Amino acid sequence: MPTTATTPEIALWRQQTFAAGRVVAINVGGLTHQDSLVEPQPAGNRLNWIVGHLLWAYHEVLPLLGQEPVMDPALLKRYARGGRPLTDPAQALDFQQMVDAWQVAVERVDAGLSKLAPEFLDRPAPSSPSGNPDETIRTLLTTMMFHQAYHAGQTAVLRRIAGKEGAIK
């Protein structure tokens, strides 16, 4: 990850993108599609859904950052915010395909952030996941980084629920 950025915020977002990307990559390393389908008890989303949801979230901001999606957005609709938990494993996308796409998405988010003009940050955002009528690109990206970190942390717990040893020491 290059260390130059146009604002301290952009530098921080790039570092957060890199960190969340590594956390997910490490935690899903060596896991199979079947591992991703283990259902946490008494409730919660499967690892397959979490990784798909992380991809879906980045797909929502990639165009804003001038980047192309890494997968057909229609495939990720199943993993959208507010979607039902994945209860039928037959509805799950191939885990390795999503893991591979995750790495590309992380790279594209970083590339988009590296070219982001500071004056763009205070423009109104095209949407607001929190319902904020005053959402800007700045606040949207800040929320996105928190969202990605939150779910990246869940991958460590879901790895253990799948019966695997923790990956981050």
Foldseek 3Di string as FASTA:
>chain_A
DDQDADDVLLSVLLVLLVVLLVLLLLLCPPPALVLQPQADPPHDAGNLLLLLLLLLLLCVCLVVLVHDRLDDNVLSPCNYPPHDGPPDSVSGDGSVVSNVSSVVSSVSVSVSSRPDDPVQFQDADPDDPVPDPRHGNVNRSVVSSVVSNVSSVVSQVSSVSSVDDGRDD
